[in-house]
Protein backbone atom coordinates (compact mmCIF):
# COMPACT_ATOMS: atom_id res chain seq x y z
CA UNK A 1 122.91 66.57 97.58
CA UNK A 2 121.56 63.02 97.39
CA UNK A 3 119.38 61.54 100.10
CA UNK A 4 122.18 59.30 101.40
CA UNK A 5 124.69 62.17 101.53
CA UNK A 6 122.23 64.49 103.25
CA UNK A 7 121.25 61.73 105.66
CA UNK A 8 124.90 60.99 106.48
CA UNK A 9 125.54 64.68 107.19
CA UNK A 10 122.50 64.93 109.45
CA UNK A 11 123.49 61.74 111.28
CA UNK A 12 126.95 63.15 111.96
CA UNK A 13 125.41 66.38 113.22
CA UNK A 14 123.00 64.39 115.39
CA UNK A 15 125.85 62.42 116.96
CA UNK A 16 127.69 65.69 117.64
CA UNK A 17 124.53 67.01 119.32
CA UNK A 18 124.21 63.89 121.48
CA UNK A 19 127.87 64.22 122.49
CA UNK A 20 127.34 67.88 123.35
CA UNK A 21 124.31 66.96 125.43
CA UNK A 22 126.33 64.36 127.32
CA UNK A 23 129.20 66.77 127.91
CA UNK A 24 126.82 69.39 129.30
CA UNK A 25 125.29 66.76 131.57
CA UNK A 26 128.71 65.68 132.85
CA UNK A 27 129.55 69.30 133.58
CA UNK A 28 126.32 69.88 135.51
CA UNK A 29 126.35 66.71 137.64
CA UNK A 30 129.60 67.94 139.15
CA UNK A 31 127.59 70.63 140.98
CA UNK A 32 123.99 69.39 140.96
CA UNK A 33 122.24 66.17 141.85
CA UNK A 34 121.67 63.70 139.05
CA UNK A 35 117.93 63.60 139.77
CA UNK A 36 117.75 67.39 139.64
CA UNK A 37 119.54 67.50 136.28
CA UNK A 38 117.31 64.77 134.83
CA UNK A 39 114.14 66.44 136.10
CA UNK A 40 114.96 69.81 134.54
CA UNK A 41 116.24 68.18 131.36
CA UNK A 42 113.06 66.14 130.98
CA UNK A 43 110.84 69.16 131.57
CA UNK A 44 112.73 71.21 128.98
CA UNK A 45 112.59 68.39 126.43
CA UNK A 46 108.89 67.85 127.14
CA UNK A 47 108.09 71.50 126.54
CA UNK A 48 109.99 71.55 123.27
CA UNK A 49 108.46 68.29 122.04
CA UNK A 50 104.94 69.09 123.27
CA UNK A 51 103.49 69.60 119.77
CA UNK A 52 104.68 66.13 118.76
CA UNK A 53 103.84 64.42 122.04
CA UNK A 54 100.31 65.86 122.19
CA UNK A 55 99.55 64.93 118.60
CA UNK A 56 97.11 62.07 118.52
CA UNK A 57 94.62 62.94 121.23
CA UNK A 58 94.37 63.06 124.99
CA UNK A 59 97.45 61.97 126.82
CA UNK A 60 95.71 60.10 129.64
CA UNK A 61 93.51 58.21 127.20
CA UNK A 62 96.53 57.20 125.14
CA UNK A 63 98.34 55.98 128.22
CA UNK A 64 95.36 53.86 129.24
CA UNK A 65 94.94 52.49 125.73
CA UNK A 66 98.62 51.68 125.21
CA UNK A 67 99.14 48.05 124.15
CA UNK A 68 100.97 45.67 126.48
CA UNK A 69 100.97 48.04 129.46
CA UNK A 70 103.34 45.93 131.55
CA UNK A 71 105.99 46.00 128.85
CA UNK A 72 105.39 49.73 128.40
CA UNK A 73 105.98 50.28 132.09
CA UNK A 74 109.06 48.05 132.12
CA UNK A 75 110.54 49.88 129.16
CA UNK A 76 109.91 53.27 130.77
CA UNK A 77 111.57 52.06 133.98
CA UNK A 78 114.58 50.75 132.06
CA UNK A 79 114.85 54.02 130.13
CA UNK A 80 114.82 55.97 133.38
CA UNK A 81 117.42 53.69 134.96
CA UNK A 82 119.58 54.03 131.85
CA UNK A 83 119.72 57.82 131.93
CA UNK A 84 120.36 57.88 135.69
CA UNK A 85 123.18 55.37 135.30
CA UNK A 86 124.71 57.33 132.42
CA UNK A 87 124.96 60.56 134.38
CA UNK A 88 126.19 58.72 137.47
CA UNK A 89 128.83 56.99 135.34
CA UNK A 90 130.11 60.21 133.73
CA UNK A 91 130.38 61.76 137.18
CA UNK A 92 133.09 59.17 137.93
CA UNK A 93 134.63 58.39 134.52
CA UNK A 94 135.86 60.17 131.37
CA UNK A 95 133.12 60.90 128.85
CA UNK A 96 134.59 58.84 126.01
CA UNK A 97 135.04 55.80 128.27
CA UNK A 98 131.38 55.84 129.25
CA UNK A 99 130.30 56.28 125.63
CA UNK A 100 132.40 53.27 124.64
CA UNK A 101 130.54 51.13 127.18
CA UNK A 102 127.22 52.30 125.71
CA UNK A 103 128.32 51.47 122.18
CA UNK A 104 128.57 47.83 123.25
CA UNK A 105 124.84 47.57 124.06
CA UNK A 106 123.78 46.37 120.56
CA UNK A 107 126.29 43.53 120.93
CA UNK A 108 124.52 42.47 124.13
CA UNK A 109 121.22 42.50 122.24
CA UNK A 110 122.62 40.12 119.62
CA UNK A 111 123.94 37.85 122.37
CA UNK A 112 120.56 37.53 124.10
CA UNK A 113 118.34 37.63 120.99
CA UNK A 114 118.31 33.81 120.50
CA UNK A 115 117.00 33.35 124.04
CA UNK A 116 114.55 36.26 124.33
CA UNK A 117 113.56 36.90 120.70
CA UNK A 118 114.03 33.46 119.17
CA UNK A 119 116.26 34.87 116.43
CA UNK A 120 118.98 32.92 114.69
CA UNK A 121 122.54 34.19 114.98
CA UNK A 122 125.27 32.87 112.68
CA UNK A 123 128.75 31.73 113.62
CA UNK A 124 130.45 34.82 112.20
CA UNK A 125 128.13 37.07 114.15
CA UNK A 126 128.89 35.12 117.33
CA UNK A 127 132.59 35.67 116.60
CA UNK A 128 131.92 39.41 116.29
CA UNK A 129 130.05 39.32 119.61
CA UNK A 130 133.05 37.63 121.23
CA UNK A 131 135.34 40.36 119.89
CA UNK A 132 132.97 42.99 121.27
CA UNK A 133 133.00 41.40 124.70
CA UNK A 134 136.80 41.32 124.58
CA UNK A 135 136.68 45.06 123.95
CA UNK A 136 134.45 45.50 127.01
CA UNK A 137 136.87 43.49 129.15
CA UNK A 138 139.76 45.66 127.96
CA UNK A 139 137.76 48.73 128.94
CA UNK A 140 136.99 47.23 132.34
CA UNK A 141 140.58 46.52 133.38
CA UNK A 142 141.88 50.11 133.77
CA UNK A 143 138.47 51.56 134.61
CA UNK A 144 138.11 49.31 137.66
CA UNK A 145 141.41 50.63 139.00
CA UNK A 146 140.41 54.27 138.46
CA UNK A 147 136.71 54.32 139.27
CA UNK A 148 134.92 51.25 140.49
CA UNK A 149 131.52 52.96 141.05
CA UNK A 150 131.60 54.46 137.56
CA UNK A 151 132.13 51.04 136.01
CA UNK A 152 129.22 49.59 137.98
CA UNK A 153 126.92 52.37 136.79
CA UNK A 154 128.20 51.98 133.22
CA UNK A 155 127.51 48.25 133.18
CA UNK A 156 124.07 48.68 134.73
CA UNK A 157 123.29 51.44 132.27
CA UNK A 158 124.31 49.45 129.22
CA UNK A 159 122.25 46.51 130.49
CA UNK A 160 119.26 48.83 130.83
CA UNK A 161 119.89 50.21 127.34
CA UNK A 162 120.03 46.71 125.87
CA UNK A 163 116.73 45.94 127.62
CA UNK A 164 115.21 49.08 126.06
CA UNK A 165 116.19 47.90 122.59
CA UNK A 166 114.85 44.39 123.15
CA UNK A 167 111.58 45.73 124.53
CA UNK A 168 111.36 48.13 121.59
CA UNK A 169 111.02 45.14 119.27
CA UNK A 170 108.01 43.92 121.25
CA UNK A 171 106.34 47.35 121.23
CA UNK A 172 106.61 48.22 117.55
CA UNK A 173 102.87 48.78 117.31
CA UNK A 174 103.15 51.71 119.73
CA UNK A 175 103.63 55.08 117.97
CA UNK A 176 107.06 56.63 118.48
CA UNK A 177 105.52 59.74 120.04
CA UNK A 178 103.84 57.62 122.72
CA UNK A 179 107.07 55.76 123.51
CA UNK A 180 108.80 59.12 123.92
CA UNK A 181 105.92 60.41 126.04
CA UNK A 182 106.10 57.45 128.43
CA UNK A 183 109.89 57.72 128.60
CA UNK A 184 109.88 61.44 129.38
CA UNK A 185 107.09 61.05 131.91
CA UNK A 186 108.95 58.26 133.74
CA UNK A 187 112.22 60.22 133.84
CA UNK A 188 110.47 63.38 135.02
CA UNK A 189 108.55 61.42 137.65
CA UNK A 190 111.70 59.78 139.01
CA UNK A 191 113.47 63.12 139.02
CA UNK A 192 110.58 64.78 140.84
CA UNK A 193 110.60 62.03 143.45
CA UNK A 194 114.36 61.97 144.07
CA UNK A 195 115.49 65.53 143.36
CA UNK A 196 114.32 66.99 146.73
CA UNK A 197 116.81 64.71 148.54
CA UNK A 198 119.79 66.30 146.74
CA UNK A 199 118.48 69.62 145.43
CA UNK A 200 121.09 72.31 144.96
CA UNK A 201 120.16 75.96 144.36
CA UNK A 202 121.05 77.01 140.83
CA UNK A 203 124.27 78.97 141.23
CA UNK A 204 124.10 81.21 138.18
CA UNK A 205 122.07 82.14 135.13
CA UNK A 206 124.69 80.31 133.08
CA UNK A 207 123.96 77.05 134.89
CA UNK A 208 120.22 77.61 134.45
CA UNK A 209 120.81 78.08 130.74
CA UNK A 210 122.82 74.86 130.57
CA UNK A 211 120.10 72.94 132.42
CA UNK A 212 117.54 74.09 129.87
CA UNK A 213 120.01 73.54 127.02
CA UNK A 214 120.21 69.86 127.91
CA UNK A 215 116.64 69.41 126.75
CA UNK A 216 117.14 71.63 123.70
CA UNK A 217 120.24 69.81 122.47
CA UNK A 218 118.76 66.37 123.10
CA UNK A 219 115.61 67.32 121.18
CA UNK A 220 117.71 68.66 118.30
CA UNK A 221 119.72 65.45 118.25
CA UNK A 222 116.57 63.32 118.09
CA UNK A 223 115.22 65.39 115.22
CA UNK A 224 118.48 65.31 113.26
CA UNK A 225 118.83 61.54 113.52
CA UNK A 226 115.14 60.95 112.76
CA UNK A 227 115.43 63.09 109.63
CA UNK A 228 118.64 61.33 108.63
CA UNK A 229 116.88 57.96 108.74
CA UNK A 230 114.06 59.30 106.60
CA UNK A 231 116.46 60.62 103.93
CA UNK A 232 119.03 57.83 103.79
CA UNK A 233 119.25 54.06 103.95
CA UNK A 234 119.75 52.76 107.47
CA UNK A 235 122.75 50.74 106.24
CA UNK A 236 124.41 54.00 105.23
CA UNK A 237 123.82 56.02 108.39
CA UNK A 238 123.86 53.32 111.09
CA UNK A 239 127.68 52.93 111.16
CA UNK A 240 128.02 56.70 111.59
CA UNK A 241 126.68 56.35 115.14
CA UNK A 242 130.22 55.41 116.17
CA UNK A 243 131.34 58.97 115.44
CA UNK A 244 129.86 59.59 118.90
CA UNK A 245 133.06 58.10 120.34
CA UNK A 246 135.20 60.59 118.42
CA UNK A 247 133.10 63.51 119.65
CA UNK A 248 133.25 62.11 123.17
CA UNK A 249 137.05 61.93 123.07
CA UNK A 250 137.34 65.44 121.61
CA UNK A 251 134.92 67.06 124.06
CA UNK A 252 136.36 65.08 126.95
CA UNK A 253 139.80 66.46 126.16
CA UNK A 254 138.75 70.05 125.41
CA UNK A 255 136.27 70.49 128.28
CA UNK A 256 137.53 68.14 131.01
CA UNK A 257 141.16 67.53 130.06
CA UNK A 258 140.63 63.77 129.67
CA UNK A 259 143.27 62.03 127.59
CA UNK A 260 142.08 58.66 126.18
CA UNK A 261 144.23 55.81 127.49
CA UNK A 262 145.62 53.20 125.06
CA UNK A 263 143.44 50.53 126.65
CA UNK A 264 140.34 52.65 126.12
CA UNK A 265 141.19 53.20 122.45
CA UNK A 266 141.88 49.49 121.88
CA UNK A 267 138.69 48.42 123.64
CA UNK A 268 136.63 51.00 121.76
CA UNK A 269 138.16 49.88 118.45
CA UNK A 270 137.18 46.25 119.13
CA UNK A 271 133.65 47.30 120.12
CA UNK A 272 133.23 49.45 117.02
CA UNK A 273 134.61 46.76 114.73
CA UNK A 274 132.36 44.07 116.16
CA UNK A 275 129.40 46.41 116.08
CA UNK A 276 129.92 47.15 112.40
CA UNK A 277 130.07 43.43 111.64
CA UNK A 278 126.89 42.84 113.63
CA UNK A 279 125.10 45.65 111.77
CA UNK A 280 126.22 44.24 108.43
CA UNK A 281 125.63 40.55 109.01
CA UNK A 282 122.63 40.63 111.37
CA UNK A 283 120.49 43.67 110.54
CA UNK A 284 117.39 41.77 111.54
CA UNK A 285 118.41 41.83 115.19
CA UNK A 286 118.89 45.58 115.25
CA UNK A 287 115.88 46.67 117.31
CA UNK A 288 113.68 49.63 116.70
CA UNK A 289 114.18 52.15 119.49
CA UNK A 290 111.88 55.08 120.01
CA UNK A 291 112.96 58.37 118.46
CA UNK A 292 115.13 58.05 116.46
CA UNK A 293 114.74 54.49 115.17
CA UNK A 294 118.47 54.01 115.21
CA UNK A 295 120.23 50.91 116.57
CA UNK A 296 122.72 51.59 119.29
CA UNK A 297 122.18 55.28 119.97
CA UNK A 298 121.34 56.31 123.49
CA UNK A 299 117.74 57.46 123.77
CA UNK A 300 117.58 58.80 127.25
CA UNK A 301 114.74 61.06 128.32
């Protein structure tokens, strides 16, 4: 199997793992507080990724020596807000709908890149951005009628995700393992601070397993996508990120009985189409997130 074929397969598996992680999270936040779920998820992921995160010396020293500390802190805060908003959104909305909102984040990055990054965006790319925003508006119309709070959390979360990607461009000199370390630490810290206000006793060993599995599946997804990007060209595997929407629709139907509405499918199609055009015509604006270095994929801790 060639590098591109192997990379494409691993990317598809990674997207399936991310979708599974999100479905488990949606299931758990129905019975447990979001902060509690994020705390336990972050701790499980931290334990599994400890060999990678501890590579490179003392943690405290690396935190103190991190370049551009204010941007590091801002990125960690945005990453924490993003994961909180995602789980709050899926507690009110179908899984695939929320994923479709998140898929629009790279389009936001292109829209703000001339102002914040000084990058040039061509007319055709602007047209693609306009199509993507039309897709978001189509998603908004029915979602506002069904679940106003979920839409608010989804929009805030995608804004936070776009900020993460923009900040990632300014922090390229920071090793990926340190970006992940700061992100996990911030999410765990926020969870530790907020979880006592809505802590629910774990009801069964099955729920405890699922809480730990959140970290396991997320770690596996990160590793699969990272390996995919090492084996294959980014131009080959980047469009495969949109398979996340298919997995979201399938799992949403099988696990939660959610049937995608026509408006959701149309809006998602416009977002995917515009995103593919943006990836093709403006690869220079695709930022470098932490692990994996994949434009547009949620990297919540």
